[in-house]
Protein backbone atom coordinates (compact mmCIF):
# COMPACT_ATOMS: atom_id res chain seq x y z
CA UNK A 1 40.36 -93.81 14.00
CA UNK A 2 40.11 -96.22 11.10
CA UNK A 3 41.45 -94.79 7.85
CA UNK A 4 40.18 -96.19 4.56
CA UNK A 5 42.68 -97.62 2.05
CA UNK A 6 44.56 -95.00 0.03
CA UNK A 7 44.43 -92.43 2.84
CA UNK A 8 46.69 -91.55 5.77
CA UNK A 9 45.91 -89.94 9.12
CA UNK A 10 46.98 -86.33 9.80
CA UNK A 11 46.22 -83.68 12.43
CA UNK A 12 43.42 -82.31 10.22
CA UNK A 13 42.02 -85.77 9.44
CA UNK A 14 42.69 -88.33 6.71
CA UNK A 15 44.11 -87.15 3.38
CA UNK A 16 45.13 -89.13 0.27
CA UNK A 17 48.45 -90.98 0.66
CA UNK A 18 50.06 -89.09 -2.23
CA UNK A 19 49.14 -85.69 -0.74
CA UNK A 20 51.41 -83.89 1.72
CA UNK A 21 50.44 -81.95 4.83
CA UNK A 22 52.78 -78.97 4.98
CA UNK A 23 53.10 -75.96 7.23
CA UNK A 24 52.33 -72.64 5.57
CA UNK A 25 56.00 -71.67 6.00
CA UNK A 26 57.02 -74.64 3.82
CA UNK A 27 54.99 -73.46 0.82
CA UNK A 28 55.30 -69.66 1.14
CA UNK A 29 57.45 -66.87 2.47
CA UNK A 30 55.71 -65.03 5.30
CA UNK A 31 56.23 -61.31 5.96
CA UNK A 32 54.54 -58.89 8.35
CA UNK A 33 53.18 -55.54 7.16
CA UNK A 34 54.22 -51.93 7.73
CA UNK A 35 54.34 -50.78 11.34
CA UNK A 36 55.03 -47.07 11.59
CA UNK A 37 54.74 -44.87 14.70
CA UNK A 38 52.27 -42.06 14.19
CA UNK A 39 50.92 -43.55 10.97
CA UNK A 40 48.30 -41.22 9.50
CA UNK A 41 45.89 -42.28 6.80
CA UNK A 42 45.14 -39.73 4.11
CA UNK A 43 46.87 -39.11 0.80
CA UNK A 44 49.73 -41.17 -0.58
CA UNK A 45 50.08 -44.88 -1.28
CA UNK A 46 47.06 -47.25 -0.99
CA UNK A 47 47.47 -49.58 1.99
CA UNK A 48 45.67 -52.84 2.81
CA UNK A 49 44.73 -53.09 6.49
CA UNK A 50 43.42 -56.13 8.34
CA UNK A 51 39.87 -54.74 8.06
CA UNK A 52 40.12 -54.90 4.25
CA UNK A 53 40.58 -58.67 4.35
CA UNK A 54 36.92 -59.17 5.30
CA UNK A 55 35.45 -57.24 2.34
CA UNK A 56 34.80 -58.84 -1.02
CA UNK A 57 36.05 -61.98 -2.71
CA UNK A 58 39.46 -60.39 -3.29
CA UNK A 59 41.28 -57.29 -2.06
CA UNK A 60 41.35 -54.55 -4.69
CA UNK A 61 42.60 -50.97 -4.62
CA UNK A 62 39.10 -49.44 -4.70
CA UNK A 63 38.21 -48.00 -1.31
CA UNK A 64 41.60 -48.54 0.33
CA UNK A 65 42.99 -45.97 2.75
CA UNK A 66 46.21 -44.17 1.79
CA UNK A 67 49.36 -43.41 3.73
CA UNK A 68 52.51 -41.38 3.09
CA UNK A 69 55.52 -43.74 2.93
CA UNK A 70 59.08 -43.70 1.66
CA UNK A 71 60.32 -45.40 -1.51
CA UNK A 72 62.16 -47.92 0.68
CA UNK A 73 58.91 -48.79 2.47
CA UNK A 74 57.10 -49.20 -0.84
CA UNK A 75 59.80 -51.59 -2.04
CA UNK A 76 59.60 -53.64 1.18
CA UNK A 77 55.83 -53.83 1.55
CA UNK A 78 54.62 -53.67 -2.06
CA UNK A 79 52.01 -56.28 -2.94
CA UNK A 80 51.97 -58.22 -6.19
CA UNK A 81 48.97 -59.85 -7.84
CA UNK A 82 47.87 -63.08 -6.12
CA UNK A 83 49.73 -62.41 -2.87
CA UNK A 84 47.75 -63.99 -0.03
CA UNK A 85 47.13 -61.80 3.03
CA UNK A 86 46.33 -63.29 6.45
CA UNK A 87 45.12 -61.28 9.43
CA UNK A 88 47.28 -61.75 12.52
CA UNK A 89 45.20 -59.75 15.02
CA UNK A 90 41.48 -59.47 15.67
CA UNK A 91 39.13 -58.04 18.27
CA UNK A 92 37.01 -61.21 17.95
CA UNK A 93 38.66 -64.59 18.38
CA UNK A 94 36.77 -66.17 15.47
CA UNK A 95 37.99 -63.38 13.17
CA UNK A 96 41.67 -64.20 13.56
CA UNK A 97 43.61 -65.50 10.56
CA UNK A 98 41.05 -64.57 7.93
CA UNK A 99 42.71 -64.75 4.50
CA UNK A 100 42.15 -62.90 1.25
CA UNK A 101 43.91 -62.54 -2.11
CA UNK A 102 45.29 -59.31 -3.58
CA UNK A 103 43.82 -58.79 -7.03
CA UNK A 104 46.52 -56.46 -8.37
CA UNK A 105 46.47 -52.75 -9.22
CA UNK A 106 47.90 -50.27 -11.72
CA UNK A 107 49.65 -48.42 -8.88
CA UNK A 108 51.80 -49.49 -5.96
CA UNK A 109 49.86 -50.93 -3.00
CA UNK A 110 51.39 -51.87 0.35
CA UNK A 111 50.07 -53.76 3.38
CA UNK A 112 50.03 -52.71 7.02
CA UNK A 113 50.74 -54.43 10.33
CA UNK A 114 48.23 -56.95 11.66
CA UNK A 115 48.51 -58.79 8.35
CA UNK A 116 50.96 -61.38 7.03
CA UNK A 117 51.80 -61.68 3.35
CA UNK A 118 52.25 -65.18 1.94
CA UNK A 119 54.30 -64.85 -1.26
CA UNK A 120 56.95 -66.68 -3.30
CA UNK A 121 54.70 -69.74 -3.33
CA UNK A 122 56.37 -73.09 -3.81
CA UNK A 123 54.52 -75.94 -5.57
CA UNK A 124 51.11 -74.52 -4.66
CA UNK A 125 48.64 -72.34 -6.55
CA UNK A 126 47.58 -69.03 -4.93
CA UNK A 127 43.86 -69.68 -5.31
CA UNK A 128 44.18 -73.21 -3.92
CA UNK A 129 46.13 -71.86 -0.92
CA UNK A 130 43.46 -69.22 -0.30
CA UNK A 131 40.69 -71.83 -0.19
CA UNK A 132 42.75 -74.09 2.08
CA UNK A 133 43.28 -71.21 4.53
CA UNK A 134 39.55 -70.47 4.51
CA UNK A 135 38.50 -74.10 5.06
CA UNK A 136 36.93 -75.00 8.40
CA UNK A 137 39.79 -77.31 9.42
CA UNK A 138 42.30 -74.49 8.91
CA UNK A 139 40.09 -71.89 10.58
CA UNK A 140 39.66 -74.12 13.64
CA UNK A 141 43.41 -74.76 13.82
CA UNK A 142 44.20 -71.03 13.59
CA UNK A 143 41.72 -70.10 16.32
CA UNK A 144 42.98 -72.89 18.59
CA UNK A 145 46.62 -71.81 18.15
CA UNK A 146 46.13 -68.06 18.59
CA UNK A 147 46.94 -66.10 21.72
CA UNK A 148 44.21 -64.21 23.55
CA UNK A 149 44.72 -60.77 25.10
CA UNK A 150 43.34 -57.32 24.39
CA UNK A 151 43.48 -58.57 20.80
CA UNK A 152 43.58 -62.16 19.62
CA UNK A 153 46.98 -62.64 17.98
CA UNK A 154 48.45 -65.20 15.58
CA UNK A 155 52.23 -65.10 16.01
CA UNK A 156 54.57 -65.79 13.14
CA UNK A 157 55.66 -69.20 14.39
CA UNK A 158 52.03 -70.33 14.60
CA UNK A 159 51.28 -68.83 11.19
CA UNK A 160 54.17 -70.71 9.60
CA UNK A 161 52.82 -73.94 11.13
CA UNK A 162 49.26 -73.62 9.74
CA UNK A 163 48.60 -77.07 8.22
CA UNK A 164 47.96 -77.01 4.47
CA UNK A 165 46.97 -80.24 2.64
CA UNK A 166 48.82 -80.13 -0.69
CA UNK A 167 47.82 -82.37 -3.63
CA UNK A 168 50.82 -83.83 -5.41
CA UNK A 169 49.99 -82.32 -8.79
CA UNK A 170 49.27 -78.74 -9.80
CA UNK A 171 46.53 -80.13 -12.03
CA UNK A 172 44.55 -81.46 -9.06
CA UNK A 173 45.06 -78.20 -7.16
CA UNK A 174 43.78 -76.28 -10.19
CA UNK A 175 40.72 -78.53 -10.52
CA UNK A 176 39.83 -78.04 -6.84
CA UNK A 177 40.38 -74.28 -6.94
CA UNK A 178 38.39 -73.95 -10.17
CA UNK A 179 35.40 -75.85 -8.77
CA UNK A 180 35.31 -73.64 -5.66
CA UNK A 181 35.90 -70.49 -7.71
CA UNK A 182 32.85 -71.38 -9.85
CA UNK A 183 30.71 -71.60 -6.71
CA UNK A 184 32.09 -68.23 -5.56
CA UNK A 185 31.15 -66.79 -8.96
CA UNK A 186 27.62 -68.13 -8.51
CA UNK A 187 27.43 -66.57 -5.03
CA UNK A 188 28.70 -63.25 -6.39
CA UNK A 189 26.07 -63.38 -9.13
CA UNK A 190 23.34 -64.00 -6.56
CA UNK A 191 24.67 -61.09 -4.50
CA UNK A 192 24.51 -58.78 -7.52
CA UNK A 193 21.00 -59.94 -8.41
CA UNK A 194 19.82 -59.46 -4.82
CA UNK A 195 21.33 -55.97 -4.70
CA UNK A 196 19.57 -55.10 -7.96
CA UNK A 197 16.25 -56.43 -6.66
CA UNK A 198 16.67 -54.46 -3.42
CA UNK A 199 17.34 -51.28 -5.37
CA UNK A 200 14.24 -51.87 -7.50
CA UNK A 201 12.16 -52.50 -4.38
CA UNK A 202 13.55 -49.37 -2.70
CA UNK A 203 12.59 -47.29 -5.73
CA UNK A 204 9.14 -48.91 -5.84
CA UNK A 205 8.55 -48.12 -2.15
CA UNK A 206 9.62 -44.52 -2.65
CA UNK A 207 7.16 -44.15 -5.53
CA UNK A 208 4.20 -46.20 -4.25
CA UNK A 209 4.26 -45.22 -0.57
CA UNK A 210 4.27 -41.51 -1.39
CA UNK A 211 1.74 -41.59 -4.24
CA UNK A 212 4.29 -40.42 -6.82
CA UNK A 213 3.31 -43.50 -8.82
CA UNK A 214 -0.23 -44.92 -8.69
CA UNK A 215 -1.18 -48.47 -9.50
CA UNK A 216 -3.65 -49.01 -12.37
CA UNK A 217 -7.27 -48.37 -11.40
CA UNK A 218 -6.61 -45.95 -8.52
CA UNK A 219 -7.19 -42.22 -8.94
CA UNK A 220 -8.80 -40.91 -5.74
CA UNK A 221 -7.12 -38.32 -3.53
CA UNK A 222 -5.21 -39.50 -0.50
CA UNK A 223 -6.40 -38.32 2.91
CA UNK A 224 -4.48 -37.02 5.91
CA UNK A 225 -4.85 -39.30 8.93
CA UNK A 226 -3.53 -38.80 12.46
CA UNK A 227 -2.49 -42.30 13.53
CA UNK A 228 -3.31 -41.75 17.20
CA UNK A 229 -7.01 -41.45 16.35
CA UNK A 230 -7.06 -44.95 14.85
CA UNK A 231 -4.87 -47.08 17.12
CA UNK A 232 -5.02 -48.98 20.40
CA UNK A 233 -1.78 -49.91 22.15
CA UNK A 234 -1.40 -53.26 23.92
CA UNK A 235 0.41 -53.83 27.20
CA UNK A 236 3.84 -55.34 26.60
CA UNK A 237 6.12 -57.37 28.87
CA UNK A 238 9.46 -56.40 30.37
CA UNK A 239 11.15 -59.80 30.64
CA UNK A 240 14.73 -60.27 29.45
CA UNK A 241 15.71 -63.00 27.04
CA UNK A 242 17.27 -64.90 29.94
CA UNK A 243 13.79 -65.28 31.47
CA UNK A 244 12.35 -66.89 28.33
CA UNK A 245 12.19 -70.60 27.56
CA UNK A 246 12.30 -72.65 24.36
CA UNK A 247 8.86 -74.08 24.94
CA UNK A 248 5.87 -72.91 26.88
CA UNK A 249 2.22 -71.96 26.57
CA UNK A 250 2.72 -68.34 25.45
CA UNK A 251 4.96 -67.05 22.67
CA UNK A 252 6.92 -63.88 23.40
CA UNK A 253 8.24 -61.29 20.93
CA UNK A 254 11.51 -59.76 22.18
CA UNK A 255 12.73 -56.52 20.60
CA UNK A 256 15.94 -58.30 19.51
CA UNK A 257 13.84 -60.62 17.33
CA UNK A 258 12.44 -57.60 15.49
CA UNK A 259 15.88 -56.07 14.94
CA UNK A 260 17.16 -59.42 13.65
CA UNK A 261 14.20 -60.13 11.37
CA UNK A 262 14.88 -60.11 7.64
CA UNK A 263 11.16 -59.90 6.95
CA UNK A 264 8.55 -57.22 7.60
CA UNK A 265 6.10 -59.89 8.77
CA UNK A 266 6.58 -62.30 11.66
CA UNK A 267 5.08 -65.68 12.51
CA UNK A 268 5.08 -66.59 16.23
CA UNK A 269 5.91 -70.26 15.67
CA UNK A 270 9.68 -69.75 16.02
CA UNK A 271 9.51 -67.37 18.98
CA UNK A 272 10.63 -68.22 22.55
CA UNK A 273 8.07 -68.61 25.31
CA UNK A 274 6.91 -66.94 28.50
CA UNK A 275 5.13 -68.50 31.47
CA UNK A 276 1.43 -67.97 32.17
CA UNK A 277 2.19 -66.08 35.36
CA UNK A 278 4.51 -63.62 33.63
CA UNK A 279 2.10 -63.06 30.74
CA UNK A 280 -1.11 -62.84 32.76
CA UNK A 281 -1.59 -59.06 32.42
CA UNK A 282 -0.20 -58.69 28.88
CA UNK A 283 -2.23 -58.03 25.75
CA UNK A 284 -2.50 -60.92 23.26
CA UNK A 285 -1.30 -60.19 19.73
CA UNK A 286 -3.56 -60.85 16.77
CA UNK A 287 -2.97 -61.09 13.03
CA UNK A 288 -2.43 -57.60 11.64
CA UNK A 289 -1.00 -56.12 14.83
CA UNK A 290 2.12 -54.03 14.27
CA UNK A 291 4.95 -54.34 16.80
CA UNK A 292 7.71 -51.70 16.94
CA UNK A 293 11.03 -51.69 18.75
CA UNK A 294 11.18 -48.79 21.18
CA UNK A 295 14.99 -48.54 21.16
CA UNK A 296 17.71 -48.66 18.53
CA UNK A 297 21.47 -48.17 18.56
CA UNK A 298 21.30 -46.15 15.33
CA UNK A 299 18.81 -43.89 13.59
CA UNK A 300 18.25 -46.38 10.77
CA UNK A 301 16.72 -48.77 13.31
CA UNK A 302 14.23 -46.23 14.61
CA UNK A 303 10.70 -47.37 13.72
CA UNK A 304 11.75 -50.95 12.88
CA UNK A 305 8.65 -53.10 13.11
CA UNK A 306 6.98 -56.35 12.07
CA UNK A 307 3.36 -57.11 11.22
CA UNK A 308 2.02 -60.23 12.91
CA UNK A 309 0.77 -63.16 10.82
CA UNK A 310 -0.02 -66.76 11.77
CA UNK A 311 -1.22 -65.83 15.27
CA UNK A 312 -4.67 -67.39 15.00
CA UNK A 313 -5.09 -69.90 17.81
CA UNK A 314 -1.76 -68.93 19.37
CA UNK A 315 -1.23 -67.00 22.59
CA UNK A 316 1.36 -64.39 21.64
CA UNK A 317 2.57 -61.33 23.55
CA UNK A 318 4.86 -58.38 22.90
CA UNK A 319 7.90 -58.34 25.17
CA UNK A 320 10.77 -56.17 26.33
CA UNK A 321 11.35 -52.83 24.52
CA UNK A 322 8.43 -53.23 22.14
CA UNK A 323 5.37 -51.18 21.30
CA UNK A 324 2.39 -53.24 20.14
CA UNK A 325 -0.13 -51.28 18.07
CA UNK A 326 -3.54 -52.42 16.80
CA UNK A 327 -4.68 -50.09 14.02
CA UNK A 328 -8.21 -49.74 12.70
CA UNK A 329 -8.22 -51.98 9.57
CA UNK A 330 -10.56 -49.53 7.84
CA UNK A 331 -7.70 -46.98 7.99
CA UNK A 332 -4.60 -49.17 7.65
CA UNK A 333 -4.99 -52.38 5.68
CA UNK A 334 -3.48 -55.69 6.74
CA UNK A 335 -0.22 -56.17 4.88
CA UNK A 336 0.25 -52.44 4.27
CA UNK A 337 1.08 -51.79 7.93
CA UNK A 338 4.26 -53.81 7.53
CA UNK A 339 5.56 -51.11 5.16
CA UNK A 340 4.59 -48.17 7.35
CA UNK A 341 8.20 -48.09 8.60
CA UNK A 342 9.35 -47.28 5.05
CA UNK A 343 6.91 -44.43 4.40
CA UNK A 344 9.18 -41.34 4.23
CA UNK A 345 6.90 -39.02 6.28
CA UNK A 346 6.54 -41.61 9.05
CA UNK A 347 10.27 -42.42 9.13
CA UNK A 348 11.23 -38.76 9.26
CA UNK A 349 8.65 -38.08 11.98
CA UNK A 350 10.05 -40.82 14.26
CA UNK A 351 13.68 -39.92 13.55
CA UNK A 352 13.01 -36.27 14.36
CA UNK A 353 11.49 -37.19 17.71
CA UNK A 354 13.94 -39.97 18.61
CA UNK A 355 15.70 -39.13 21.87
CA UNK A 356 19.02 -40.40 23.09
CA UNK A 357 22.74 -40.41 22.49
CA UNK A 358 23.98 -44.00 22.45
CA UNK A 359 20.44 -45.39 22.10
CA UNK A 360 17.57 -43.75 20.18
CA UNK A 361 14.15 -44.16 21.78
CA UNK A 362 10.65 -44.21 20.31
CA UNK A 363 7.44 -44.21 22.35
CA UNK A 364 3.70 -44.53 21.87
CA UNK A 365 3.23 -40.78 21.79
CA UNK A 366 5.66 -40.47 18.87
CA UNK A 367 3.75 -43.04 16.87
CA UNK A 368 0.32 -41.64 17.77
CA UNK A 369 1.29 -38.08 16.81
CA UNK A 370 2.27 -39.00 13.24
CA UNK A 371 0.06 -37.48 10.51
CA UNK A 372 0.17 -39.10 7.10
CA UNK A 373 -1.37 -38.93 3.66
CA UNK A 374 -2.90 -42.36 3.15
CA UNK A 375 -4.63 -43.96 0.16
CA UNK A 376 -7.82 -46.00 0.45
CA UNK A 377 -7.47 -49.42 2.07
CA UNK A 378 -8.10 -50.98 -1.34
CA UNK A 379 -5.09 -49.14 -2.79
CA UNK A 380 -3.08 -49.94 0.32
CA UNK A 381 -3.80 -53.64 -0.19
CA UNK A 382 -2.70 -53.45 -3.83
CA UNK A 383 0.51 -51.62 -2.88
CA UNK A 384 1.20 -54.21 -0.18
CA UNK A 385 0.68 -57.05 -2.67
CA UNK A 386 3.25 -55.56 -5.08
CA UNK A 387 5.82 -55.02 -2.34
CA UNK A 388 5.12 -58.42 -0.80
CA UNK A 389 5.82 -60.12 -4.14
CA UNK A 390 9.13 -58.26 -4.32
CA UNK A 391 9.95 -59.38 -0.77
CA UNK A 392 9.14 -62.98 -1.71
CA UNK A 393 11.60 -62.78 -4.63
CA UNK A 394 14.30 -61.41 -2.34
CA UNK A 395 13.61 -64.08 0.28
CA UNK A 396 13.90 -66.82 -2.36
CA UNK A 397 17.22 -65.36 -3.57
CA UNK A 398 18.56 -65.14 -0.02
CA UNK A 399 17.52 -68.74 0.65
CA UNK A 400 19.26 -69.86 -2.55
CA UNK A 401 22.36 -67.89 -1.52
CA UNK A 402 22.39 -69.48 1.95
CA UNK A 403 21.95 -72.95 0.47
CA UNK A 404 24.75 -72.36 -2.05
CA UNK A 405 27.07 -71.06 0.67
CA UNK A 406 26.38 -74.14 2.80
CA UNK A 407 27.02 -76.33 -0.25
CA UNK A 408 30.34 -74.56 -0.80
CA UNK A 409 31.40 -75.20 2.81
CA UNK A 410 30.68 -78.89 2.33
CA UNK A 411 32.58 -78.90 -0.97
CA UNK A 412 35.60 -77.27 0.66
CA UNK A 413 35.74 -79.93 3.35
CA UNK A 414 35.40 -82.73 0.78
CA UNK A 415 37.74 -81.40 -1.90
CA UNK A 416 40.47 -79.85 0.25
CA UNK A 417 40.94 -83.05 2.27
CA UNK A 418 40.72 -85.32 -0.76
CA UNK A 419 37.60 -87.15 0.42
CA UNK A 420 36.19 -86.39 -3.01
CA UNK A 421 38.68 -86.42 -5.89
CA UNK A 422 38.25 -84.48 -9.12
CA UNK A 423 41.22 -86.10 -10.84
């Protein structure tokens, strides 16, 4: 591979000539956490476990488990601010070696087995080291050099050999870490704003979908409707995802696509396809149809549904583990149906009837037997418009977050290999 002037080849790719590629063991001391037979979490000293490394931008004492330990164990395994923790075991191979930084605490905090502590750093900043360990080139190296068994393991020799590109000056390290930290701060701000918007939307749904708050111009009494008197159910398919294709004449809605959907509405354009023969006897979905999942691994997923949009001129069918319902639009307005799953009486009705142990099931009879207080279709449409606008705001924030995260990944690759220099 040709290397441009001023750069040198390394196992992670070209880096500036004045940078060094060092093993983690050359820039930090590496220790393994507390391993104690019969360890019981409860009261005592806060302890960082490998699971804690995946939560938040840094590891803090809030929410940590506690364990009873001796003073000698506290002395040996106590964390100090800016220690870097690296997971050395994971159920999933791509989760091995995830790194996080301890943010400090007013009380003693220790760390448990399945995590290494990188401390006593030599000629490298903690925040720079953290970003280097999280970079794609490091992550790929860690996964490739881990051992696979019941758990994926990163042994100490491999951990000490993790390649870290080290700029010659602390100033350049600080500039790189600061630029990436600023992007993390932006991501954290977007997360907080999204959480606030979701809370506002949740409160709005609670008020508007129960009639506790009425929109301006609406005063009439709500009426009790039994849904089964105003619905027709369509025949759905039973084909697994393995039987679907990426292109074909008929779009197919699999229950997994509903569970995975971030939105309460669904456009068929991105759906996989089913052959004509397989779909011959199935009902065709239309705009405004509501499609439920009939099975969920948890109660929160019971009643999950999407309202169909963009189906005009498209052959579209409901597939495996779905219930396709076509409600009378004079009873349930287009757009409002998408939020039926959030109406407290409807949710409680389906949860109460859900059968199963490992999987909770819903059926057509459960949906048809629901009785609800409903406003006029005009008020339903106005409620749907308000909630839809809130959803659009959340979608825009999530898109901005995803774009910023992708930008950060590109920045990490550029800055941490010296392709782009800040100094």
